[in-house]
Protein backbone atom coordinates (compact mmCIF):
# COMPACT_ATOMS: atom_id res chain seq x y z
CA MET A 1 -26.25 -85.02 169.27
CA ALA A 2 -26.09 -82.86 166.18
CA THR A 3 -23.02 -81.22 165.41
CA SER A 4 -21.70 -78.59 162.93
CA ASP A 5 -19.96 -81.51 160.88
CA THR A 6 -21.83 -82.34 157.88
CA THR A 7 -21.43 -86.20 158.33
CA ALA A 8 -21.56 -88.43 161.27
CA GLU A 9 -18.49 -89.57 162.96
CA LYS A 10 -17.34 -93.07 161.48
CA SER A 11 -17.05 -94.30 165.14
CA ASP A 12 -20.49 -93.97 165.51
CA THR A 13 -22.09 -97.41 165.05
CA ARG A 14 -24.82 -97.72 167.61
CA PHE A 15 -27.41 -98.54 164.89
CA PHE A 16 -26.63 -101.91 163.92
CA GLY A 17 -23.08 -100.59 163.01
CA GLN A 18 -24.48 -97.53 161.54
CA PRO A 19 -24.69 -93.81 163.01
CA TRP A 20 -27.52 -93.42 165.53
CA ALA A 21 -29.37 -90.54 163.74
CA LEU A 22 -30.27 -93.20 160.88
CA VAL A 23 -32.77 -94.26 163.24
CA HIS A 24 -34.91 -91.15 163.15
CA ILE A 25 -35.18 -91.27 159.37
CA PHE A 26 -35.70 -94.96 159.41
CA GLY A 27 -38.59 -94.54 161.76
CA VAL A 28 -40.53 -91.68 159.71
CA GLU A 29 -39.82 -93.54 156.41
CA MET A 30 -41.09 -96.89 157.91
CA TRP A 31 -44.42 -95.25 159.00
CA GLU A 32 -44.68 -93.20 155.67
CA ARG A 33 -44.17 -96.56 153.74
CA PHE A 34 -46.81 -98.25 155.99
CA SER A 35 -49.32 -95.69 155.22
CA PHE A 36 -48.55 -95.36 151.64
CA TYR A 37 -48.62 -99.10 150.83
CA GLY A 38 -51.44 -99.69 153.01
CA MET A 39 -53.53 -97.24 151.08
CA GLN A 40 -52.11 -98.32 147.65
CA GLY A 41 -52.81 -101.93 148.54
CA ILE A 42 -56.56 -101.23 148.30
CA LEU A 43 -56.64 -98.32 146.03
CA LEU A 44 -56.93 -100.11 142.81
CA ILE A 45 -59.64 -102.33 143.67
CA TYR A 46 -61.48 -99.51 145.52
CA LEU A 47 -61.61 -97.81 142.01
CA TYR A 48 -62.84 -100.58 139.93
CA PHE A 49 -64.88 -102.61 142.49
CA SER A 50 -68.53 -102.14 141.84
CA VAL A 51 -70.47 -99.57 144.03
CA THR A 52 -72.29 -102.37 145.75
CA GLU A 53 -68.96 -103.82 146.71
CA GLY A 54 -67.99 -100.42 148.10
CA GLY A 55 -65.87 -99.37 145.18
CA LEU A 56 -66.33 -96.67 142.70
CA GLY A 57 -67.05 -98.68 139.60
CA LEU A 58 -64.44 -97.51 137.15
CA SER A 59 -63.03 -99.67 134.54
CA GLN A 60 -59.76 -101.86 135.20
CA ALA A 61 -57.87 -99.73 132.44
CA VAL A 62 -59.11 -96.50 133.61
CA ALA A 63 -58.41 -97.41 137.36
CA GLY A 64 -54.89 -98.89 136.56
CA GLY A 65 -53.99 -95.68 134.79
CA ILE A 66 -55.13 -93.65 137.68
CA VAL A 67 -53.14 -95.82 140.09
CA GLY A 68 -50.10 -95.52 137.61
CA ALA A 69 -50.55 -91.71 137.20
CA TYR A 70 -50.62 -91.26 140.87
CA GLY A 71 -47.55 -93.21 141.64
CA GLY A 72 -45.72 -91.41 138.98
CA SER A 73 -46.77 -88.33 140.58
CA VAL A 74 -45.57 -89.16 143.86
CA TYR A 75 -41.95 -89.39 142.50
CA LEU A 76 -42.51 -86.45 140.03
CA SER A 77 -43.28 -84.18 143.02
CA THR A 78 -39.96 -84.73 144.47
CA ILE A 79 -38.76 -82.19 142.12
CA LEU A 80 -40.88 -79.65 143.94
CA GLY A 81 -39.55 -81.09 147.35
CA ALA A 82 -35.79 -81.26 146.45
CA TRP A 83 -36.12 -77.54 144.88
CA ILE A 84 -37.59 -76.21 148.14
CA ALA A 85 -34.92 -77.92 150.03
CA ASP A 86 -31.92 -76.82 147.93
CA ARG A 87 -33.37 -73.30 147.56
CA MET A 88 -35.48 -72.44 150.59
CA LEU A 89 -35.84 -74.58 153.60
CA GLY A 90 -33.05 -77.39 153.68
CA SER A 91 -33.99 -81.31 153.44
CA GLU A 92 -34.73 -81.92 157.02
CA ARG A 93 -37.47 -79.08 157.43
CA VAL A 94 -39.07 -80.16 153.99
CA LEU A 95 -39.40 -83.65 155.33
CA PHE A 96 -40.77 -82.77 158.22
CA LEU A 97 -43.70 -80.40 156.74
CA SER A 98 -44.19 -83.08 153.77
CA ALA A 99 -44.88 -85.52 156.83
CA ILE A 100 -47.87 -83.32 157.90
CA VAL A 101 -49.04 -82.96 154.25
CA ILE A 102 -49.34 -86.74 153.75
CA VAL A 103 -51.32 -87.22 157.28
CA ALA A 104 -53.92 -84.65 155.83
CA GLY A 105 -54.03 -86.58 152.56
CA HIS A 106 -54.83 -89.86 154.28
CA VAL A 107 -57.50 -88.29 156.46
CA ALA A 108 -58.97 -86.76 153.32
CA LEU A 109 -59.37 -90.42 151.71
CA ALA A 110 -60.71 -91.78 154.82
CA LEU A 111 -63.41 -89.13 155.62
CA LEU A 112 -64.31 -87.50 152.22
CA PRO A 113 -66.82 -89.47 150.05
CA GLY A 114 -66.17 -90.88 146.48
CA PHE A 115 -64.14 -89.15 143.99
CA ILE A 116 -63.77 -86.08 146.12
CA GLY A 117 -61.75 -87.90 148.69
CA VAL A 118 -59.85 -89.84 146.01
CA GLY A 119 -58.98 -86.52 144.30
CA VAL A 120 -58.04 -84.49 147.25
CA GLY A 121 -56.43 -87.23 149.11
CA LEU A 122 -54.23 -88.62 146.28
CA VAL A 123 -52.88 -85.18 145.34
CA LEU A 124 -51.80 -84.24 149.14
CA VAL A 125 -50.21 -87.80 149.52
CA ALA A 126 -48.52 -87.29 146.22
CA LEU A 127 -47.19 -83.89 147.07
CA GLY A 128 -46.36 -84.93 150.64
CA SER A 129 -44.71 -88.38 149.80
CA GLY A 130 -42.71 -86.55 146.92
CA GLY A 131 -41.28 -84.09 149.35
CA LEU A 132 -40.64 -86.57 152.09
CA LYS A 133 -38.92 -89.23 149.72
CA ALA A 134 -36.28 -87.03 148.00
CA ASN A 135 -35.32 -85.33 151.26
CA ALA A 136 -35.15 -88.52 153.46
CA THR A 137 -32.77 -89.88 150.96
CA SER A 138 -30.67 -86.89 151.18
CA VAL A 139 -30.62 -86.47 154.79
CA VAL A 140 -29.36 -90.19 155.05
CA GLY A 141 -26.56 -89.18 152.70
CA THR A 142 -25.47 -86.37 155.05
CA LEU A 143 -24.67 -89.12 157.79
CA TYR A 144 -21.75 -90.48 155.79
CA SER A 145 -18.64 -89.15 154.21
CA ALA A 146 -18.14 -89.91 150.40
CA ASP A 147 -15.45 -92.47 151.34
CA ASP A 148 -17.37 -94.25 154.10
CA THR A 149 -17.69 -97.76 153.08
CA ARG A 150 -20.71 -98.40 155.21
CA ARG A 151 -22.74 -96.08 153.10
CA ASP A 152 -24.40 -98.71 150.67
CA ALA A 153 -24.99 -100.86 153.77
CA GLY A 154 -26.47 -98.18 155.50
CA PHE A 155 -28.90 -97.38 152.62
CA SER A 156 -29.88 -101.06 152.72
CA LEU A 157 -30.70 -100.92 156.37
CA PHE A 158 -32.60 -97.58 155.61
CA TYR A 159 -34.51 -99.64 152.87
CA LEU A 160 -35.11 -102.25 155.46
CA GLY A 161 -37.30 -99.68 157.38
CA ILE A 162 -39.30 -98.73 154.16
CA ASN A 163 -40.19 -102.35 153.73
CA LEU A 164 -41.00 -103.07 157.19
CA GLY A 165 -43.63 -100.55 156.86
CA ALA A 166 -44.65 -101.77 153.12
CA PHE A 167 -45.10 -105.22 154.53
CA MET A 168 -47.57 -104.33 157.54
CA GLY A 169 -49.38 -101.61 155.80
CA PRO A 170 -51.36 -103.77 153.06
CA ILE A 171 -51.93 -106.56 155.46
CA LEU A 172 -53.70 -104.42 158.09
CA THR A 173 -55.49 -102.28 155.71
CA GLY A 174 -56.53 -105.39 153.77
CA ILE A 175 -58.07 -106.90 157.11
CA LEU A 176 -60.14 -103.73 157.53
CA GLN A 177 -61.13 -103.20 154.01
CA SER A 178 -62.39 -106.97 153.68
CA THR A 179 -64.37 -106.87 157.16
CA LEU A 180 -65.47 -103.10 157.74
CA GLY A 181 -64.91 -101.33 154.30
CA PHE A 182 -62.45 -99.32 152.35
CA HIS A 183 -62.56 -95.98 154.40
CA TYR A 184 -61.51 -98.14 157.44
CA GLY A 185 -58.59 -98.97 155.76
CA PHE A 186 -57.82 -95.71 154.61
CA GLY A 187 -58.17 -94.43 158.16
CA LEU A 188 -55.81 -96.91 159.47
CA ALA A 189 -53.08 -95.60 156.91
CA ALA A 190 -53.86 -92.18 158.45
CA ILE A 191 -53.25 -93.21 161.84
CA GLY A 192 -50.02 -95.03 160.87
CA MET A 193 -48.49 -91.88 159.15
CA THR A 194 -49.61 -89.66 162.30
CA LEU A 195 -47.50 -92.25 164.38
CA GLY A 196 -44.47 -91.64 162.12
CA LEU A 197 -44.89 -87.73 162.20
CA VAL A 198 -45.13 -87.77 166.03
CA GLN A 199 -41.81 -89.92 166.32
CA TYR A 200 -39.85 -87.98 163.97
CA SER A 201 -40.96 -84.68 165.74
CA PHE A 202 -39.11 -85.97 168.93
CA GLY A 203 -35.94 -87.13 167.07
CA ARG A 204 -35.46 -84.74 164.15
CA LYS A 205 -33.06 -82.21 166.71
CA ALA A 206 -30.51 -85.47 166.70
CA LEU A 207 -29.77 -85.00 163.00
CA PRO A 208 -26.61 -83.30 161.74
CA ASP A 209 -26.61 -79.58 160.92
CA GLY A 210 -25.80 -80.58 157.22
CA ALA A 211 -29.40 -81.76 156.79
CA ARG A 212 -30.68 -78.16 157.69
CA ARG A 213 -28.25 -76.69 155.39
CA VAL A 214 -29.78 -74.72 152.20
CA PRO A 215 -27.02 -75.28 149.58
CA ASN A 216 -28.03 -73.04 146.92
CA PRO A 217 -30.28 -70.13 148.74
CA LEU A 218 -33.03 -68.35 146.70
CA PRO A 219 -32.66 -64.78 146.98
CA SER A 220 -35.44 -63.30 149.20
CA SER A 221 -36.52 -60.84 146.40
CA ARG A 222 -37.57 -63.85 144.24
CA TYR A 223 -39.96 -65.21 146.82
CA PRO A 224 -42.94 -63.24 145.44
CA LEU A 225 -42.40 -64.76 141.90
CA VAL A 226 -42.24 -68.22 143.28
CA ALA A 227 -45.66 -67.53 145.03
CA ILE A 228 -46.97 -66.20 141.70
CA ILE A 229 -45.70 -69.23 139.73
CA ALA A 230 -47.29 -71.54 142.15
CA VAL A 231 -50.76 -69.85 142.26
CA ALA A 232 -50.77 -69.86 138.31
CA ALA A 233 -49.63 -73.58 138.20
CA ILE A 234 -52.63 -74.58 140.24
CA ALA A 235 -54.98 -72.33 138.36
CA LEU A 236 -53.66 -73.80 135.06
CA ILE A 237 -54.17 -77.43 136.33
CA ALA A 238 -57.84 -76.54 137.57
CA VAL A 239 -58.74 -75.19 134.12
CA LEU A 240 -57.21 -78.21 132.34
CA VAL A 241 -59.54 -80.36 134.50
CA LEU A 242 -62.47 -78.28 133.89
CA VAL A 243 -62.30 -78.07 130.19
CA GLY A 244 -61.68 -81.75 130.00
CA VAL A 245 -58.06 -81.90 128.88
CA VAL A 246 -56.89 -83.77 131.95
CA ARG A 247 -59.36 -86.93 132.54
CA ALA A 248 -59.15 -90.04 134.32
CA ASP A 249 -58.56 -91.97 131.31
CA ASN A 250 -55.62 -89.90 130.14
CA LEU A 251 -53.80 -89.22 133.44
CA ALA A 252 -50.96 -91.65 132.81
CA SER A 253 -50.10 -90.34 129.68
CA ILE A 254 -49.95 -86.75 131.17
CA VAL A 255 -47.71 -87.78 133.82
CA ILE A 256 -45.52 -89.61 131.41
CA ILE A 257 -45.15 -86.46 129.35
CA GLY A 258 -44.64 -84.13 132.14
CA THR A 259 -41.94 -86.45 133.79
CA ILE A 260 -40.06 -86.72 130.44
CA VAL A 261 -40.10 -82.79 130.05
CA ALA A 262 -38.92 -82.42 133.73
CA THR A 263 -36.19 -84.98 133.40
CA VAL A 264 -34.98 -83.35 130.20
CA ALA A 265 -34.99 -79.94 131.80
CA TYR A 266 -33.40 -81.03 134.92
CA PHE A 267 -30.57 -82.79 133.02
CA ALA A 268 -30.08 -79.52 130.85
CA VAL A 269 -30.17 -77.19 134.04
CA ILE A 270 -27.70 -79.19 135.73
CA LEU A 271 -25.28 -79.99 133.02
CA SER A 272 -25.30 -76.32 131.75
CA SER A 273 -24.83 -74.83 135.18
CA ARG A 274 -21.47 -72.42 135.73
CA ARG A 275 -21.57 -73.59 139.34
CA ILE A 276 -20.29 -77.23 138.68
CA ASP A 277 -16.79 -78.16 137.55
CA GLY A 278 -15.72 -80.70 134.90
CA THR A 279 -15.83 -83.81 137.18
CA GLU A 280 -19.13 -83.03 138.45
CA ARG A 281 -20.50 -82.50 134.98
CA SER A 282 -18.68 -85.83 133.57
CA ARG A 283 -20.38 -87.73 136.58
CA VAL A 284 -24.10 -86.34 135.83
CA TRP A 285 -23.38 -87.79 132.24
CA GLY A 286 -22.29 -90.95 133.90
CA PHE A 287 -25.73 -91.03 135.51
CA LEU A 288 -27.85 -90.85 132.34
CA PRO A 289 -27.32 -94.59 131.43
CA LEU A 290 -28.25 -95.53 134.89
CA PHE A 291 -31.43 -93.58 134.82
CA ILE A 292 -32.42 -95.14 131.37
CA THR A 293 -31.96 -98.48 133.03
CA SER A 294 -33.73 -97.56 136.07
CA VAL A 295 -36.72 -96.31 133.93
CA ALA A 296 -37.05 -99.85 132.37
CA PHE A 297 -36.77 -101.59 135.65
CA TRP A 298 -39.50 -99.60 137.42
CA SER A 299 -41.82 -100.01 134.19
CA LEU A 300 -42.01 -103.69 135.19
CA TYR A 301 -41.59 -103.49 138.88
CA GLN A 302 -44.39 -101.01 139.57
CA GLN A 303 -46.76 -103.37 137.89
CA GLN A 304 -47.04 -104.91 141.24
CA PHE A 305 -49.57 -102.30 141.95
CA THR A 306 -51.47 -102.42 138.52
CA VAL A 307 -51.38 -105.50 136.33
CA LEU A 308 -50.52 -107.83 139.16
CA THR A 309 -53.23 -106.61 141.52
CA VAL A 310 -55.97 -107.40 138.65
CA TYR A 311 -53.98 -110.65 137.99
CA SER A 312 -54.16 -111.60 141.91
CA ASP A 313 -57.78 -110.49 141.98
CA GLU A 314 -58.93 -112.55 138.95
CA ARG A 315 -56.28 -115.32 138.43
CA LEU A 316 -54.38 -116.13 141.49
CA ASP A 317 -55.64 -118.96 143.88
CA ARG A 318 -55.60 -117.08 147.08
CA ASN A 319 -57.15 -119.83 149.40
CA ILE A 320 -55.08 -120.73 152.27
CA PHE A 321 -56.60 -123.79 154.05
CA GLY A 322 -60.34 -122.41 153.40
CA PHE A 323 -59.50 -118.81 154.11
CA GLU A 324 -59.32 -116.44 151.17
CA MET A 325 -56.80 -113.82 151.86
CA PRO A 326 -57.48 -110.13 150.74
CA VAL A 327 -56.06 -108.96 147.33
CA SER A 328 -53.88 -106.66 149.00
CA TRP A 329 -52.00 -109.11 151.03
CA VAL A 330 -49.99 -110.09 147.68
CA GLN A 331 -48.37 -106.71 147.96
CA SER A 332 -46.85 -107.64 151.47
CA ILE A 333 -44.80 -110.65 149.88
CA ASN A 334 -42.32 -108.68 148.34
CA PRO A 335 -41.41 -106.56 151.39
CA VAL A 336 -41.02 -109.87 153.34
CA PHE A 337 -38.13 -110.90 151.13
CA ILE A 338 -36.78 -107.25 151.22
CA ILE A 339 -36.82 -107.72 155.13
CA ILE A 340 -34.91 -110.97 154.81
CA LEU A 341 -32.69 -110.32 151.83
CA SER A 342 -31.80 -106.48 152.44
CA GLY A 343 -29.58 -107.67 155.68
CA VAL A 344 -27.86 -110.27 153.41
CA PHE A 345 -27.22 -107.69 150.70
CA ALA A 346 -25.84 -105.14 153.31
CA ALA A 347 -23.50 -107.93 154.71
CA ILE A 348 -22.46 -109.02 151.11
CA TRP A 349 -21.41 -105.37 150.16
CA THR A 350 -19.95 -104.62 153.37
CA ARG A 351 -17.83 -107.69 153.38
CA LEU A 352 -16.62 -107.33 149.81
CA GLY A 353 -15.84 -103.48 150.46
CA ARG A 354 -13.98 -102.10 147.52
CA ARG A 355 -14.20 -105.67 145.69
CA GLN A 356 -17.98 -105.40 145.28
CA PRO A 357 -19.36 -105.02 141.80
CA SER A 358 -19.62 -101.47 140.47
CA THR A 359 -22.89 -99.85 140.35
CA PRO A 360 -23.31 -100.13 136.60
CA VAL A 361 -22.91 -103.82 136.72
CA LYS A 362 -25.40 -103.81 139.79
CA PHE A 363 -27.73 -101.91 137.54
CA ALA A 364 -27.29 -104.15 134.64
CA LEU A 365 -27.99 -107.28 136.57
CA GLY A 366 -31.13 -105.94 138.18
CA ALA A 367 -32.57 -104.92 134.95
CA MET A 368 -31.96 -108.39 133.48
CA ILE A 369 -33.22 -110.39 136.32
CA MET A 370 -36.45 -108.16 136.35
CA GLY A 371 -36.82 -109.08 132.68
CA ALA A 372 -36.43 -112.77 133.55
CA ALA A 373 -39.09 -112.57 136.46
CA PHE A 374 -41.77 -111.29 133.75
CA LEU A 375 -40.84 -114.50 131.58
CA LEU A 376 -41.86 -116.74 134.66
CA PHE A 377 -45.36 -115.71 134.32
CA LEU A 378 -45.50 -117.45 130.81
CA PRO A 379 -45.95 -120.95 131.96
CA PHE A 380 -49.15 -119.91 133.58
CA ALA A 381 -50.47 -117.95 130.79
CA GLY A 382 -53.94 -118.46 129.51
CA GLY A 383 -55.13 -120.13 132.46
CA GLY A 384 -58.61 -119.41 134.16
CA ALA A 385 -59.70 -118.15 137.51
CA ASN A 386 -57.67 -119.30 140.49
CA SER A 387 -55.48 -120.95 138.04
CA THR A 388 -52.10 -119.46 139.41
CA PRO A 389 -51.06 -121.20 142.62
CA LEU A 390 -49.83 -118.79 145.28
CA ILE A 391 -46.41 -120.36 145.61
CA ALA A 392 -45.81 -119.43 141.87
CA ILE A 393 -46.33 -115.71 142.73
CA ILE A 394 -44.36 -116.05 145.70
CA GLY A 395 -41.52 -117.27 143.67
CA ILE A 396 -41.79 -114.60 141.04
CA LEU A 397 -41.79 -111.97 143.69
CA PHE A 398 -38.60 -113.50 145.11
CA VAL A 399 -37.09 -112.77 141.74
CA PHE A 400 -38.56 -109.09 141.79
CA THR A 401 -36.86 -108.60 145.07
CA VAL A 402 -33.51 -109.95 144.07
CA ALA A 403 -33.66 -107.52 140.94
CA GLU A 404 -34.96 -104.40 143.29
CA LEU A 405 -32.12 -104.82 145.81
CA LEU A 406 -29.64 -104.57 142.77
CA ILE A 407 -31.20 -101.15 141.95
CA SER A 408 -33.17 -99.18 144.39
CA PRO A 409 -30.62 -99.17 147.47
CA VAL A 410 -27.76 -98.86 145.27
CA GLY A 411 -29.34 -96.22 143.10
CA LEU A 412 -30.21 -93.80 146.17
CA SER A 413 -26.50 -94.44 147.25
CA VAL A 414 -24.70 -93.73 143.97
CA THR A 415 -27.08 -90.59 143.37
CA THR A 416 -25.90 -89.00 146.56
CA LYS A 417 -22.11 -89.80 145.44
CA LEU A 418 -22.56 -88.50 141.83
CA ALA A 419 -24.59 -85.47 142.75
CA PRO A 420 -22.85 -81.88 142.27
CA LYS A 421 -22.50 -79.91 145.67
CA VAL A 422 -25.07 -77.41 144.62
CA PHE A 423 -27.59 -79.78 143.40
CA HIS A 424 -27.43 -82.31 145.81
CA THR A 425 -31.05 -83.06 146.64
CA GLN A 426 -32.32 -82.19 143.17
CA MET A 427 -29.89 -85.06 141.91
CA VAL A 428 -31.68 -87.50 144.16
CA ALA A 429 -34.96 -86.09 142.58
CA LEU A 430 -33.62 -87.08 139.25
CA PHE A 431 -33.34 -90.54 140.46
CA PHE A 432 -36.94 -90.50 141.60
CA LEU A 433 -37.93 -89.12 138.19
CA SER A 434 -36.81 -92.34 136.55
CA ILE A 435 -39.15 -94.14 139.23
CA ALA A 436 -42.03 -91.58 138.43
CA LEU A 437 -41.65 -92.37 134.69
CA GLY A 438 -41.22 -96.09 135.13
CA THR A 439 -44.42 -96.02 137.48
CA ALA A 440 -46.59 -93.82 135.31
CA ILE A 441 -45.50 -96.27 132.12
CA SER A 442 -46.68 -99.30 134.45
CA GLY A 443 -50.13 -97.64 134.70
CA TRP A 444 -50.20 -96.75 130.99
CA LEU A 445 -49.30 -100.51 130.12
CA VAL A 446 -52.35 -101.83 131.88
CA GLN A 447 -54.41 -101.24 128.80
CA PHE A 448 -52.38 -103.62 126.77
CA TYR A 449 -52.77 -106.56 129.24
CA ASP A 450 -55.22 -109.25 127.90
CA PRO A 451 -55.83 -112.19 130.21
CA LYS A 452 -56.84 -114.09 127.41
CA ASN A 453 -53.58 -113.47 125.37
CA GLU A 454 -50.74 -113.03 128.02
CA VAL A 455 -47.68 -114.50 126.18
CA PRO A 456 -46.98 -111.24 124.14
CA TYR A 457 -47.43 -109.01 126.97
CA PHE A 458 -45.04 -110.73 129.51
CA SER A 459 -42.48 -111.98 126.91
CA ILE A 460 -42.10 -108.49 125.23
CA LEU A 461 -41.61 -106.59 128.32
CA GLY A 462 -39.22 -109.01 129.90
CA ALA A 463 -37.05 -109.27 126.76
CA ILE A 464 -36.91 -105.34 126.61
CA ALA A 465 -35.69 -105.18 130.18
CA ILE A 466 -33.19 -107.92 129.47
CA VAL A 467 -31.89 -106.24 126.39
CA VAL A 468 -31.47 -103.08 128.44
CA GLY A 469 -29.64 -104.61 130.96
CA LEU A 470 -27.30 -106.25 128.57
CA GLY A 471 -26.59 -103.06 126.84
CA LEU A 472 -25.54 -101.30 130.13
CA LEU A 473 -23.42 -104.37 130.75
CA VAL A 474 -21.66 -103.86 127.51
CA ALA A 475 -20.99 -100.18 128.45
CA VAL A 476 -19.84 -100.37 131.86
CA LYS A 477 -16.11 -99.30 131.19
CA PRO A 478 -17.32 -96.08 129.43
CA VAL A 479 -19.91 -95.43 132.15
CA LEU A 480 -17.33 -95.87 134.90
CA ARG A 481 -14.81 -93.46 133.16
CA LEU A 482 -17.69 -90.66 133.16
CA MET A 483 -18.36 -91.46 136.77
CA LYS A 484 -14.60 -90.15 137.60
CA GLY A 485 -13.80 -92.44 140.42
CA VAL A 486 -17.31 -93.16 141.79
CA SER A 487 -18.08 -96.94 141.54
């Protein structure tokens, strides 16, 4: 039952030791990830497969750029969802409306043909997923007090829900894509998100009142201005597309530039605000090196959906006892490890309590391990078709997972702790901006991947991530001083 308190009672342990209200956010996020990763599991090959194979026939570089730009746009749109939540509707209402938009996007991909379906569908899914992601995380944060030691464990459990959906989505859409066609796969993603919307609509009333609070309400007199800006932005984008400034082959670069501009603007707005005190301002500065490390991590990790998809299609031996598994199934390997290891990590953090490594140390280790994962591709460099054994990719993705669990759920948790009160959801959006930038970069990097000369690609990117992690490890003490008691 929802109460006027902004956090759940610590005595509420009905959902695997966590507040019962977590189950509702767990559910909608699980189905959203089912639809998101189910669709994304077949999106790249839909773009570059030939027309006779049911695809659109784009080059791999352009297709990878589109996927990277789309993925970056999902996280970039968290800004919009966070702003609407903080200034107009509150996180819970934006989450609900975003789920409706996502359903519409998947329906468009399933029913509209060719590039029209891709354009309309990806825009709607990006907008909806961005609004849902930032606000789902923010709502989870309202279930815990700042000193509740269950917090990181709760976010790890929430992350388990994400990956249950991420595991099943590519498997089922991959089966339909390979047997019936791409649009049947996209249709299944639409059905999954519809189930999530229905489930959440019944459980949303049980969330605490703090999830619906608007922390920094926009004066009603400024609503017309917001409407004018929104219409002008849509018109500007349409004109840029029509005159050829925004094209399929430069989408990733545009998203990278847009994300950098948004990041600088967001940090400037928050740090210069008169509504935050000295402690809050220092904590935002402490978040900056975590942001940079997160970008480095996601630039490599998100290549699961770009370079690794191409690699799996052309280089990976996908034959299992005479059955050739769909390309999209490779994207379900990582969620399996998340499902197994998220509980292990949650138990470790819970058992260690206040003795667990600080957030900067976890981030540093995550970046370094991610870099090491890229170096593991080197023994297989230069091989031909079907030359990389499946067990090798499974091992590499296991290392991906360990790195992910040191950064992603921990990053979500620390962001809610470092956030100034009046910028709560928008600070969560800043964390997602680091994912947006890293994801867009992962798509942009596809153009440099050469199957005939893989050593420079994997070694340089792996080394960069390791160096970034080492830099943060050296700077742990000054970063913790900036974080002012948040660890």
